[in-house]
Each structure stands twice: as structure tokens, then as C-alpha cells.
Amino acid sequence: MAVNIYQMCGCGNPIEQGRIELDLKCCASCAHQFKTPRKMGRMVYYHKTGGEIEIMSSQSYSENKKYFTRKANRSILKQV
């Protein structure tokens, strides 16, 4: 027996089922109104293979971006 669970947002609209499963507390229309900062990430290679993604806040990313980007040539062949 399937049970439909309806949760209401603060605006009075029902919250979509997918958002309920993700444990979100507001409807899609309210979520698009808020200007929340997005998460940013970068690839980190601790060895030659098997890179990992480092996830950080957008503020932390912008503060440390100067350490992530290369300032010199990417390849030694460009210097020849």
C-alpha cells in the first residue's frame, strides 16, 4: 500500500516528492528565490594517477584560487 506524504512549504505550496526524499525543507520555487553560494571544487593529484575532487565553499575557492592556477607554461615543450 503506497502512502502519499504531503509536506507543505512555508509559502503554502506542497513540497515535491523528490525534494522530500532528499530531506529538503522548501519547494522548488522558494529554493530558486534564495541566492545561496554554490560549492566549488578542484582536482587534486597526490600521485600521477587517481585524482580526487576537493570540494570547498565558493568563498574559500576565491581566496585560494591564486594557488590553484598555473602562472608559467603548462608544458616544457612550449619553452623550446
Protein backbone atom coordinates (compact mmCIF):
# COMPACT_ATOMS: atom_id res chain seq x y z
CA MET A 1 0.00 0.00 0.00
CA ALA A 2 1.54 3.32 -1.12
CA VAL A 3 1.13 6.28 1.15
CA ASN A 4 1.43 9.78 -0.26
CA ILE A 5 3.09 12.12 2.20
CA TYR A 6 2.47 15.78 1.54
CA GLN A 7 4.59 18.29 3.33
CA MET A 8 3.86 21.94 2.93
CA CYS A 9 6.39 24.68 2.34
CA GLY A 10 6.27 27.97 4.24
CA CYS A 11 4.74 29.63 1.18
CA GLY A 12 1.79 27.20 1.17
CA ASN A 13 2.82 25.07 -1.82
CA PRO A 14 3.39 21.32 -1.39
CA ILE A 15 7.00 20.14 -1.44
CA GLU A 16 7.79 17.83 -4.37
CA GLN A 17 8.34 14.14 -3.60
CA GLY A 18 11.94 14.17 -4.87
CA ARG A 19 12.80 17.07 -2.58
CA ILE A 20 11.24 15.25 0.38
CA GLU A 21 13.40 12.19 -0.33
CA LEU A 22 16.49 14.42 -0.31
CA ASP A 23 15.32 15.88 3.03
CA LEU A 24 14.90 19.41 1.67
CA LYS A 25 12.53 21.67 3.56
CA CYS A 26 11.24 24.05 0.87
CA CYS A 27 9.55 23.78 -2.53
CA ALA A 28 11.42 24.32 -5.81
CA SER A 29 10.01 27.81 -6.40
CA CYS A 30 11.21 29.00 -2.99
CA ALA A 31 14.61 27.32 -3.45
CA HIS A 32 15.26 29.28 -6.66
CA GLN A 33 14.48 32.58 -4.94
CA PHE A 34 17.31 32.26 -2.41
CA LYS A 35 20.78 33.27 -3.56
CA THR A 36 22.83 30.66 -1.75
CA PRO A 37 26.52 30.42 -2.61
CA ARG A 38 27.41 27.37 -4.67
CA LYS A 39 30.02 24.80 -3.79
CA MET A 40 33.22 24.86 -5.84
CA GLY A 41 35.82 22.20 -6.42
CA ARG A 42 39.19 21.45 -7.92
CA MET A 43 41.09 18.36 -8.98
CA VAL A 44 43.92 17.29 -6.69
CA TYR A 45 46.53 14.78 -7.87
CA TYR A 46 48.52 13.27 -5.00
CA HIS A 47 50.26 10.95 -7.46
CA LYS A 48 50.40 10.55 -11.23
CA THR A 49 47.09 8.70 -11.35
CA GLY A 50 43.90 8.71 -9.34
CA GLY A 51 42.98 12.33 -8.90
CA GLU A 52 40.48 13.41 -6.24
CA ILE A 53 37.99 16.25 -6.14
CA GLU A 54 38.38 18.71 -3.29
CA ILE A 55 35.05 20.39 -2.57
CA MET A 56 35.02 23.77 -0.83
CA SER A 57 32.84 26.82 -0.39
CA SER A 58 32.87 29.49 -3.07
CA GLN A 59 34.46 31.96 -0.64
CA SER A 60 37.31 29.57 0.17
CA TYR A 61 37.80 28.83 -3.53
CA SER A 62 38.07 32.51 -4.46
CA GLU A 63 40.51 33.19 -1.61
CA ASN A 64 42.82 30.32 -2.63
CA LYS A 65 42.44 30.44 -6.42
CA LYS A 66 45.88 32.01 -6.84
CA TYR A 67 47.42 28.78 -5.52
CA PHE A 68 45.42 26.55 -7.91
CA THR A 69 46.17 28.17 -11.27
CA ARG A 70 49.47 27.97 -13.13
CA LYS A 71 51.33 31.15 -13.93
CA ALA A 72 54.00 29.60 -16.15
CA ASN A 73 53.81 27.42 -19.24
CA ARG A 74 51.95 24.16 -18.85
CA SER A 75 54.44 22.16 -20.89
CA ILE A 76 58.20 22.26 -21.17
CA LEU A 77 57.86 21.90 -24.95
CA LYS A 78 56.38 25.39 -25.24
CA GLN A 79 59.62 26.88 -23.94
CA VAL A 80 61.71 25.42 -26.81
